[in-house]
Amino acid sequence: MIGTGIKRGTAELAILSVLEDGPLHGYELAQRIEKQTRGALRFTLAALYPTLYKMEQRGWVRGNWETSRNGRRRRCYSLTSAGKTKLSPMREEWAELFRALRQLTKVSDA
């Protein structure tokens, strides 16, 4: 399991990457991240929503309120053009970090 200190830094990349495929509600976003990482990354909604709020303030994601058929209101998040622009250099930055860590720790890809 990946520790919480490392996970904090991965939340933005994970959110932007998942939203690249289309808009999602917070719960769906958390589920998608967990599923696509085979459970290695898990974010509670209490941890996810503050990150989404910060990303919305930066203009990387947009949240819109929607009302479901049963009358329940939920916020649906989508990637903005600024978020798409941010995603590419963020991926490269993380790739560079992973290359450096592999070199330093002598860990090879499995």
N, C-alpha and C. Protein backbone atom coordinates (compact mmCIF):
# COMPACT_ATOMS: atom_id res chain seq x y z
N MET A 1 0.85 -1.18 0.00
CA MET A 1 0.00 0.00 0.00
C MET A 1 0.90 1.25 0.00
N ILE A 2 0.50 2.23 -0.74
CA ILE A 2 1.26 3.48 -0.85
C ILE A 2 0.90 4.38 0.33
N GLY A 3 1.91 4.93 0.99
CA GLY A 3 1.72 5.76 2.18
C GLY A 3 1.03 7.09 1.89
N THR A 4 0.46 7.68 2.93
CA THR A 4 -0.33 8.90 2.76
C THR A 4 0.53 10.10 2.35
N GLY A 5 1.77 10.19 2.80
CA GLY A 5 2.62 11.31 2.43
C GLY A 5 2.86 11.38 0.93
N ILE A 6 3.10 10.24 0.34
CA ILE A 6 3.31 10.18 -1.11
C ILE A 6 1.99 10.41 -1.84
N LYS A 7 0.91 9.85 -1.32
CA LYS A 7 -0.39 9.99 -1.97
C LYS A 7 -0.84 11.44 -2.09
N ARG A 8 -0.53 12.27 -1.10
CA ARG A 8 -0.95 13.68 -1.15
C ARG A 8 -0.46 14.34 -2.43
N GLY A 9 0.76 14.05 -2.82
CA GLY A 9 1.33 14.65 -4.01
C GLY A 9 0.81 14.07 -5.31
N THR A 10 0.16 12.92 -5.23
CA THR A 10 -0.33 12.28 -6.45
C THR A 10 -1.78 12.62 -6.75
N ALA A 11 -2.48 13.20 -5.80
CA ALA A 11 -3.92 13.44 -5.97
C ALA A 11 -4.23 14.30 -7.19
N GLU A 12 -3.52 15.39 -7.37
CA GLU A 12 -3.80 16.27 -8.50
C GLU A 12 -3.58 15.57 -9.83
N LEU A 13 -2.49 14.85 -9.95
CA LEU A 13 -2.22 14.12 -11.19
C LEU A 13 -3.28 13.06 -11.43
N ALA A 14 -3.65 12.33 -10.39
CA ALA A 14 -4.67 11.29 -10.52
C ALA A 14 -6.01 11.89 -10.94
N ILE A 15 -6.41 12.98 -10.32
CA ILE A 15 -7.69 13.61 -10.64
C ILE A 15 -7.71 14.11 -12.08
N LEU A 16 -6.68 14.84 -12.47
CA LEU A 16 -6.63 15.36 -13.84
C LEU A 16 -6.63 14.22 -14.86
N SER A 17 -5.88 13.18 -14.58
CA SER A 17 -5.78 12.05 -15.50
C SER A 17 -7.12 11.34 -15.68
N VAL A 18 -7.84 11.13 -14.59
CA VAL A 18 -9.12 10.44 -14.66
C VAL A 18 -10.17 11.33 -15.32
N LEU A 19 -10.16 12.62 -15.01
CA LEU A 19 -11.14 13.53 -15.61
C LEU A 19 -10.88 13.76 -17.10
N GLU A 20 -9.70 13.38 -17.56
CA GLU A 20 -9.39 13.49 -18.99
C GLU A 20 -10.37 12.63 -19.80
N ASP A 21 -10.88 11.56 -19.20
CA ASP A 21 -11.82 10.67 -19.88
C ASP A 21 -13.26 11.15 -19.83
N GLY A 22 -13.54 12.18 -19.02
CA GLY A 22 -14.89 12.72 -18.95
C GLY A 22 -15.28 13.11 -17.54
N PRO A 23 -16.36 13.89 -17.41
CA PRO A 23 -16.81 14.39 -16.11
C PRO A 23 -17.25 13.27 -15.17
N LEU A 24 -17.03 13.50 -13.86
CA LEU A 24 -17.42 12.53 -12.83
C LEU A 24 -17.80 13.26 -11.55
N HIS A 25 -18.66 12.62 -10.76
CA HIS A 25 -18.95 13.09 -9.42
C HIS A 25 -17.80 12.67 -8.51
N GLY A 26 -17.67 13.30 -7.35
CA GLY A 26 -16.57 13.01 -6.44
C GLY A 26 -16.45 11.54 -6.09
N TYR A 27 -17.57 10.91 -5.75
CA TYR A 27 -17.54 9.49 -5.39
C TYR A 27 -17.08 8.65 -6.57
N GLU A 28 -17.61 8.94 -7.76
CA GLU A 28 -17.21 8.19 -8.96
C GLU A 28 -15.72 8.39 -9.24
N LEU A 29 -15.23 9.59 -9.00
CA LEU A 29 -13.82 9.90 -9.21
C LEU A 29 -12.94 9.06 -8.28
N ALA A 30 -13.31 8.99 -7.01
CA ALA A 30 -12.55 8.18 -6.05
C ALA A 30 -12.57 6.71 -6.45
N GLN A 31 -13.74 6.22 -6.87
CA GLN A 31 -13.86 4.81 -7.29
C GLN A 31 -13.02 4.52 -8.53
N ARG A 32 -13.03 5.43 -9.48
CA ARG A 32 -12.27 5.23 -10.73
C ARG A 32 -10.77 5.19 -10.44
N ILE A 33 -10.29 6.09 -9.58
CA ILE A 33 -8.87 6.10 -9.23
C ILE A 33 -8.48 4.77 -8.59
N GLU A 34 -9.30 4.31 -7.65
CA GLU A 34 -9.01 3.05 -6.97
C GLU A 34 -9.03 1.88 -7.95
N LYS A 35 -10.01 1.86 -8.84
CA LYS A 35 -10.12 0.76 -9.80
C LYS A 35 -8.95 0.76 -10.79
N GLN A 36 -8.62 1.93 -11.33
CA GLN A 36 -7.57 1.99 -12.35
C GLN A 36 -6.18 1.74 -11.77
N THR A 37 -6.01 1.92 -10.46
CA THR A 37 -4.72 1.64 -9.83
C THR A 37 -4.74 0.30 -9.09
N ARG A 38 -5.80 -0.48 -9.34
CA ARG A 38 -5.97 -1.79 -8.69
C ARG A 38 -5.86 -1.70 -7.17
N GLY A 39 -6.41 -0.61 -6.63
CA GLY A 39 -6.45 -0.42 -5.19
C GLY A 39 -5.21 0.19 -4.58
N ALA A 40 -4.17 0.46 -5.37
CA ALA A 40 -2.93 1.03 -4.82
C ALA A 40 -3.15 2.47 -4.34
N LEU A 41 -4.01 3.21 -5.03
CA LEU A 41 -4.34 4.57 -4.61
C LEU A 41 -5.80 4.60 -4.20
N ARG A 42 -6.03 5.04 -2.98
CA ARG A 42 -7.39 5.19 -2.46
C ARG A 42 -7.48 6.55 -1.79
N PHE A 43 -8.47 7.31 -2.19
CA PHE A 43 -8.70 8.62 -1.60
C PHE A 43 -10.07 8.64 -0.96
N THR A 44 -10.12 9.03 0.30
CA THR A 44 -11.41 9.21 0.94
C THR A 44 -12.02 10.49 0.38
N LEU A 45 -13.34 10.60 0.46
CA LEU A 45 -13.99 11.81 -0.01
C LEU A 45 -13.55 13.01 0.81
N ALA A 46 -13.25 12.79 2.09
CA ALA A 46 -12.78 13.88 2.95
C ALA A 46 -11.43 14.42 2.48
N ALA A 47 -10.63 13.59 1.86
CA ALA A 47 -9.33 14.02 1.33
C ALA A 47 -9.48 14.55 -0.10
N LEU A 48 -10.40 13.98 -0.85
CA LEU A 48 -10.55 14.33 -2.26
C LEU A 48 -11.18 15.70 -2.47
N TYR A 49 -12.24 16.01 -1.72
CA TYR A 49 -12.96 17.26 -1.96
C TYR A 49 -12.13 18.53 -1.73
N PRO A 50 -11.29 18.60 -0.70
CA PRO A 50 -10.45 19.80 -0.58
C PRO A 50 -9.49 19.97 -1.76
N THR A 51 -8.99 18.85 -2.29
CA THR A 51 -8.11 18.91 -3.46
C THR A 51 -8.89 19.39 -4.68
N LEU A 52 -10.10 18.88 -4.86
CA LEU A 52 -10.94 19.33 -5.97
C LEU A 52 -11.25 20.82 -5.85
N TYR A 53 -11.52 21.27 -4.63
CA TYR A 53 -11.82 22.68 -4.40
C TYR A 53 -10.62 23.55 -4.81
N LYS A 54 -9.41 23.15 -4.38
CA LYS A 54 -8.20 23.91 -4.74
C LYS A 54 -7.98 23.92 -6.25
N MET A 55 -8.23 22.77 -6.87
CA MET A 55 -8.05 22.68 -8.32
C MET A 55 -9.09 23.53 -9.05
N GLU A 56 -10.27 23.62 -8.48
CA GLU A 56 -11.31 24.47 -9.06
C GLU A 56 -10.90 25.95 -8.94
N GLN A 57 -10.33 26.32 -7.81
CA GLN A 57 -9.86 27.69 -7.61
C GLN A 57 -8.75 28.04 -8.61
N ARG A 58 -7.93 27.08 -8.96
CA ARG A 58 -6.84 27.30 -9.93
C ARG A 58 -7.35 27.28 -11.37
N GLY A 59 -8.59 26.86 -11.56
CA GLY A 59 -9.17 26.81 -12.89
C GLY A 59 -8.87 25.54 -13.66
N TRP A 60 -8.38 24.50 -12.97
CA TRP A 60 -8.02 23.24 -13.63
C TRP A 60 -9.23 22.34 -13.83
N VAL A 61 -10.20 22.43 -12.91
CA VAL A 61 -11.44 21.66 -13.02
C VAL A 61 -12.62 22.61 -12.81
N ARG A 62 -13.77 22.19 -13.29
CA ARG A 62 -14.99 22.96 -13.09
C ARG A 62 -16.01 22.04 -12.45
N GLY A 63 -16.62 22.52 -11.38
CA GLY A 63 -17.66 21.75 -10.71
C GLY A 63 -19.03 22.36 -10.98
N ASN A 64 -19.98 21.53 -11.35
CA ASN A 64 -21.36 21.97 -11.59
C ASN A 64 -22.30 21.12 -10.76
N TRP A 65 -23.27 21.78 -10.13
CA TRP A 65 -24.27 21.06 -9.36
C TRP A 65 -25.28 20.42 -10.30
N GLU A 66 -25.60 19.16 -10.01
CA GLU A 66 -26.61 18.43 -10.78
C GLU A 66 -27.58 17.82 -9.79
N THR A 67 -28.81 17.67 -10.22
CA THR A 67 -29.83 17.02 -9.39
C THR A 67 -30.17 15.68 -10.02
N SER A 68 -30.06 14.63 -9.22
CA SER A 68 -30.36 13.28 -9.72
C SER A 68 -31.87 13.07 -9.78
N ARG A 69 -32.28 11.94 -10.33
CA ARG A 69 -33.71 11.62 -10.44
C ARG A 69 -34.41 11.58 -9.09
N ASN A 70 -33.67 11.19 -8.05
CA ASN A 70 -34.28 11.12 -6.72
C ASN A 70 -34.21 12.46 -5.97
N GLY A 71 -33.78 13.51 -6.67
CA GLY A 71 -33.76 14.85 -6.08
C GLY A 71 -32.50 15.19 -5.31
N ARG A 72 -31.54 14.30 -5.29
CA ARG A 72 -30.29 14.52 -4.57
C ARG A 72 -29.35 15.37 -5.41
N ARG A 73 -28.76 16.39 -4.80
CA ARG A 73 -27.82 17.25 -5.52
C ARG A 73 -26.40 16.73 -5.35
N ARG A 74 -25.69 16.69 -6.48
CA ARG A 74 -24.28 16.25 -6.46
C ARG A 74 -23.49 17.17 -7.36
N ARG A 75 -22.22 17.30 -7.04
CA ARG A 75 -21.34 18.15 -7.83
C ARG A 75 -20.59 17.27 -8.82
N CYS A 76 -20.65 17.63 -10.08
CA CYS A 76 -19.98 16.90 -11.15
C CYS A 76 -18.77 17.71 -11.61
N TYR A 77 -17.62 17.08 -11.67
CA TYR A 77 -16.37 17.77 -12.01
C TYR A 77 -15.92 17.41 -13.42
N SER A 78 -15.45 18.43 -14.13
CA SER A 78 -14.91 18.20 -15.48
C SER A 78 -13.58 18.94 -15.61
N LEU A 79 -12.78 18.46 -16.52
CA LEU A 79 -11.48 19.04 -16.81
C LEU A 79 -11.66 20.28 -17.68
N THR A 80 -10.99 21.37 -17.32
CA THR A 80 -11.04 22.59 -18.12
C THR A 80 -9.87 22.60 -19.10
N SER A 81 -9.85 23.57 -19.99
CA SER A 81 -8.72 23.68 -20.92
C SER A 81 -7.44 23.97 -20.16
N ALA A 82 -7.53 24.74 -19.06
CA ALA A 82 -6.34 25.00 -18.24
C ALA A 82 -5.85 23.71 -17.58
N GLY A 83 -6.79 22.85 -17.18
CA GLY A 83 -6.42 21.57 -16.59
C GLY A 83 -5.75 20.66 -17.60
N LYS A 84 -6.26 20.67 -18.83
CA LYS A 84 -5.63 19.88 -19.89
C LYS A 84 -4.22 20.37 -20.15
N THR A 85 -4.05 21.68 -20.15
CA THR A 85 -2.72 22.27 -20.38
C THR A 85 -1.77 21.90 -19.25
N LYS A 86 -2.26 21.85 -18.02
CA LYS A 86 -1.44 21.53 -16.85
C LYS A 86 -1.04 20.05 -16.82
N LEU A 87 -1.88 19.19 -17.36
CA LEU A 87 -1.68 17.75 -17.25
C LEU A 87 -0.40 17.26 -17.91
N SER A 88 -0.08 17.73 -19.09
CA SER A 88 1.10 17.25 -19.81
C SER A 88 2.41 17.53 -19.06
N PRO A 89 2.68 18.78 -18.65
CA PRO A 89 3.93 19.01 -17.91
C PRO A 89 3.94 18.31 -16.55
N MET A 90 2.76 18.14 -15.94
CA MET A 90 2.70 17.44 -14.66
C MET A 90 3.09 15.98 -14.85
N ARG A 91 2.60 15.36 -15.93
CA ARG A 91 2.98 13.97 -16.21
C ARG A 91 4.49 13.85 -16.44
N GLU A 92 5.05 14.79 -17.16
CA GLU A 92 6.49 14.75 -17.43
C GLU A 92 7.29 14.94 -16.14
N GLU A 93 6.83 15.82 -15.28
CA GLU A 93 7.50 16.05 -14.00
C GLU A 93 7.51 14.77 -13.16
N TRP A 94 6.36 14.08 -13.09
CA TRP A 94 6.29 12.84 -12.34
C TRP A 94 7.13 11.75 -13.00
N ALA A 95 7.13 11.68 -14.32
CA ALA A 95 7.95 10.69 -15.02
C ALA A 95 9.43 10.90 -14.70
N GLU A 96 9.83 12.17 -14.66
CA GLU A 96 11.22 12.48 -14.32
C GLU A 96 11.54 12.05 -12.89
N LEU A 97 10.62 12.29 -11.98
CA LEU A 97 10.81 11.86 -10.59
C LEU A 97 10.95 10.34 -10.51
N PHE A 98 10.07 9.61 -11.22
CA PHE A 98 10.13 8.15 -11.20
C PHE A 98 11.44 7.64 -11.79
N ARG A 99 11.91 8.26 -12.88
CA ARG A 99 13.21 7.86 -13.47
C ARG A 99 14.34 8.06 -12.46
N ALA A 100 14.32 9.19 -11.79
CA ALA A 100 15.37 9.49 -10.81
C ALA A 100 15.32 8.52 -9.64
N LEU A 101 14.13 8.21 -9.16
CA LEU A 101 14.01 7.27 -8.05
C LEU A 101 14.44 5.86 -8.44
N ARG A 102 14.08 5.44 -9.67
CA ARG A 102 14.52 4.11 -10.14
C ARG A 102 16.04 4.05 -10.20
N GLN A 103 16.65 5.12 -10.68
CA GLN A 103 18.10 5.16 -10.78
C GLN A 103 18.74 5.15 -9.40
N LEU A 104 18.19 5.95 -8.51
CA LEU A 104 18.73 6.06 -7.17
C LEU A 104 18.58 4.77 -6.38
N THR A 105 17.41 4.15 -6.47
CA THR A 105 17.13 2.97 -5.67
C THR A 105 17.44 1.66 -6.38
N LYS A 106 17.83 1.77 -7.64
CA LYS A 106 18.16 0.61 -8.45
C LYS A 106 16.95 -0.33 -8.57
N VAL A 107 15.75 0.25 -8.62
CA VAL A 107 14.51 -0.51 -8.82
C VAL A 107 14.20 -0.48 -10.30
N SER A 108 13.98 -1.66 -10.87
CA SER A 108 13.64 -1.71 -12.29
C SER A 108 12.14 -1.90 -12.46
N ASP A 109 11.65 -1.62 -13.65
CA ASP A 109 10.24 -1.86 -13.95
C ASP A 109 9.97 -3.35 -13.92
N ALA A 110 8.81 -3.70 -13.39
CA ALA A 110 8.44 -5.12 -13.31
C ALA A 110 7.80 -5.56 -14.60
